[in-house]
C-alpha atoms as a PDB file:
ATOM      1  CA  UNK A   1       3.859 -23.508   5.699  1.00  0.00           C
ATOM      2  CA  UNK A   2       2.278 -26.905   4.956  1.00  0.00           C
ATOM      3  CA  UNK A   3       5.068 -27.728   2.485  1.00  0.00           C
ATOM      4  CA  UNK A   4       7.826 -28.108   5.083  1.00  0.00           C
ATOM      5  CA  UNK A   5       6.272 -31.063   6.979  1.00  0.00           C
ATOM      6  CA  UNK A   6       5.618 -32.732   3.631  1.00  0.00           C
ATOM      7  CA  UNK A   7       9.279 -32.318   2.629  1.00  0.00           C
ATOM      8  CA  UNK A   8      10.373 -33.833   5.945  1.00  0.00           C
ATOM      9  CA  UNK A   9       7.934 -36.734   5.490  1.00  0.00           C
ATOM     10  CA  UNK A  10       9.223 -37.427   1.984  1.00  0.00           C
ATOM     11  CA  UNK A  11      12.806 -37.322   3.265  1.00  0.00           C
ATOM     12  CA  UNK A  12      11.971 -39.788   6.053  1.00  0.00           C
ATOM     13  CA  UNK A  13      10.300 -42.091   3.502  1.00  0.00           C
ATOM     14  CA  UNK A  14      13.228 -41.943   1.094  1.00  0.00           C
ATOM     15  CA  UNK A  15      15.809 -42.579   3.813  1.00  0.00           C
ATOM     16  CA  UNK A  16      13.839 -45.599   4.962  1.00  0.00           C
ATOM     17  CA  UNK A  17      13.278 -46.912   1.449  1.00  0.00           C
ATOM     18  CA  UNK A  18      16.938 -46.571   0.522  1.00  0.00           C
ATOM     19  CA  UNK A  19      18.156 -48.217   3.740  1.00  0.00           C
ATOM     20  CA  UNK A  20      15.823 -51.224   3.698  1.00  0.00           C
ATOM     21  CA  UNK A  21      16.837 -54.084   1.425  1.00  0.00           C
ATOM     22  CA  UNK A  22      14.373 -56.083  -0.636  1.00  0.00           C
ATOM     23  CA  UNK A  23      11.878 -55.625  -3.440  1.00  0.00           C
ATOM     24  CA  UNK A  24      10.125 -52.317  -3.979  1.00  0.00           C
ATOM     25  CA  UNK A  25       7.003 -53.188  -2.002  1.00  0.00           C
ATOM     26  CA  UNK A  26       9.088 -54.427   0.931  1.00  0.00           C
ATOM     27  CA  UNK A  27      11.246 -51.305   0.877  1.00  0.00           C
ATOM     28  CA  UNK A  28       8.425 -48.762   0.805  1.00  0.00           C
ATOM     29  CA  UNK A  29       6.002 -50.521   3.183  1.00  0.00           C
ATOM     30  CA  UNK A  30       7.324 -49.397   6.596  1.00  0.00           C
ATOM     31  CA  UNK A  31       8.178 -45.804   5.531  1.00  0.00           C
ATOM     32  CA  UNK A  32       4.762 -45.294   3.921  1.00  0.00           C
ATOM     33  CA  UNK A  33       3.061 -46.642   7.036  1.00  0.00           C
ATOM     34  CA  UNK A  34       4.944 -44.056   9.068  1.00  0.00           C
ATOM     35  CA  UNK A  35       3.962 -41.380   6.524  1.00  0.00           C
ATOM     36  CA  UNK A  36       0.304 -42.378   6.943  1.00  0.00           C
ATOM     37  CA  UNK A  37       0.579 -42.318  10.739  1.00  0.00           C
ATOM     38  CA  UNK A  38       2.003 -38.796  10.685  1.00  0.00           C
ATOM     39  CA  UNK A  39      -0.598 -37.497   8.235  1.00  0.00           C
ATOM     40  CA  UNK A  40      -3.869 -38.916   9.524  1.00  0.00           C
ATOM     41  CA  UNK A  41      -6.574 -36.446   8.545  1.00  0.00           C
ATOM     42  CA  UNK A  42      -7.887 -35.832  12.058  1.00  0.00           C
ATOM     43  CA  UNK A  43      -7.180 -32.446  13.626  1.00  0.00           C
ATOM     44  CA  UNK A  44      -4.641 -32.251  16.435  1.00  0.00           C
ATOM     45  CA  UNK A  45      -6.563 -31.504  19.605  1.00  0.00           C
ATOM     46  CA  UNK A  46      -4.295 -32.441  22.487  1.00  0.00           C
ATOM     47  CA  UNK A  47      -0.702 -31.643  23.343  1.00  0.00           C
ATOM     48  CA  UNK A  48       0.148 -35.354  23.575  1.00  0.00           C
ATOM     49  CA  UNK A  49      -1.199 -35.927  20.067  1.00  0.00           C
ATOM     50  CA  UNK A  50       0.923 -33.060  18.778  1.00  0.00           C
ATOM     51  CA  UNK A  51       4.019 -34.676  20.297  1.00  0.00           C
ATOM     52  CA  UNK A  52       3.184 -37.980  18.591  1.00  0.00           C
ATOM     53  CA  UNK A  53       2.928 -36.236  15.210  1.00  0.00           C
ATOM     54  CA  UNK A  54       6.027 -34.076  15.671  1.00  0.00           C
ATOM     55  CA  UNK A  55       8.581 -34.899  12.970  1.00  0.00           C
ATOM     56  CA  UNK A  56      11.614 -34.129  15.130  1.00  0.00           C
ATOM     57  CA  UNK A  57      10.428 -36.502  17.847  1.00  0.00           C
ATOM     58  CA  UNK A  58       9.814 -39.144  15.180  1.00  0.00           C
ATOM     59  CA  UNK A  59      13.276 -38.670  13.675  1.00  0.00           C
ATOM     60  CA  UNK A  60      14.898 -38.833  17.117  1.00  0.00           C
ATOM     61  CA  UNK A  61      13.003 -42.018  17.986  1.00  0.00           C
ATOM     62  CA  UNK A  62      14.006 -43.537  14.634  1.00  0.00           C
ATOM     63  CA  UNK A  63      17.658 -42.696  15.263  1.00  0.00           C
ATOM     64  CA  UNK A  64      17.637 -44.201  18.747  1.00  0.00           C
ATOM     65  CA  UNK A  65      15.833 -47.356  17.650  1.00  0.00           C
ATOM     66  CA  UNK A  66      17.993 -47.741  14.547  1.00  0.00           C
ATOM     67  CA  UNK A  67      21.096 -47.625  16.744  1.00  0.00           C
ATOM     68  CA  UNK A  68      19.735 -50.543  18.770  1.00  0.00           C
ATOM     69  CA  UNK A  69      17.953 -52.550  16.056  1.00  0.00           C
ATOM     70  CA  UNK A  70      17.750 -52.475  12.276  1.00  0.00           C
ATOM     71  CA  UNK A  71      16.243 -49.497  10.483  1.00  0.00           C
ATOM     72  CA  UNK A  72      13.367 -51.587   9.169  1.00  0.00           C
ATOM     73  CA  UNK A  73      12.439 -52.681  12.679  1.00  0.00           C
ATOM     74  CA  UNK A  74      12.682 -49.083  13.857  1.00  0.00           C
ATOM     75  CA  UNK A  75      10.299 -47.877  11.125  1.00  0.00           C
ATOM     76  CA  UNK A  76       7.788 -50.624  11.848  1.00  0.00           C
ATOM     77  CA  UNK A  77       7.936 -50.049  15.607  1.00  0.00           C
ATOM     78  CA  UNK A  78       7.521 -46.274  15.377  1.00  0.00           C
ATOM     79  CA  UNK A  79       4.715 -46.596  12.797  1.00  0.00           C
ATOM     80  CA  UNK A  80       2.695 -49.092  14.793  1.00  0.00           C
ATOM     81  CA  UNK A  81       3.281 -47.275  18.079  1.00  0.00           C
ATOM     82  CA  UNK A  82       2.135 -43.970  16.545  1.00  0.00           C
ATOM     83  CA  UNK A  83      -0.956 -45.540  14.986  1.00  0.00           C
ATOM     84  CA  UNK A  84      -1.827 -47.308  18.235  1.00  0.00           C
ATOM     85  CA  UNK A  85      -1.523 -44.111  20.279  1.00  0.00           C
ATOM     86  CA  UNK A  86      -3.548 -42.057  17.802  1.00  0.00           C
ATOM     87  CA  UNK A  87      -6.320 -44.667  17.705  1.00  0.00           C
ATOM     88  CA  UNK A  88      -6.253 -44.919  21.504  1.00  0.00           C
ATOM     89  CA  UNK A  89      -6.490 -41.122  21.810  1.00  0.00           C
ATOM     90  CA  UNK A  90      -9.366 -41.118  19.327  1.00  0.00           C
ATOM     91  CA  UNK A  91     -11.301 -43.612  21.433  1.00  0.00           C
ATOM     92  CA  UNK A  92     -10.436 -41.750  24.635  1.00  0.00           C
ATOM     93  CA  UNK A  93     -11.887 -38.501  23.198  1.00  0.00           C
ATOM     94  CA  UNK A  94     -15.228 -40.164  22.487  1.00  0.00           C
ATOM     95  CA  UNK A  95     -15.773 -41.192  26.104  1.00  0.00           C
END
């Protein structure tokens, strides 16, 4: 069952890379950052953390943000927001 989230992650990366204009590094940067945020190697311990890593919530947030801004901005915003929340949750667990 681990293959399905990986397929969804690859699809999200390819959609982002094909939609963003620029050189190869510029095109794959934001989607790969999102891929890394969704696949951080820490175990999911809280319900809020599971919502952050849920692919359907990520795709819905990307669709809403892409309707308002550009797709590149949506990828960067979702990636950084996810990483920030996961780091914040990691520090909150230690206290």
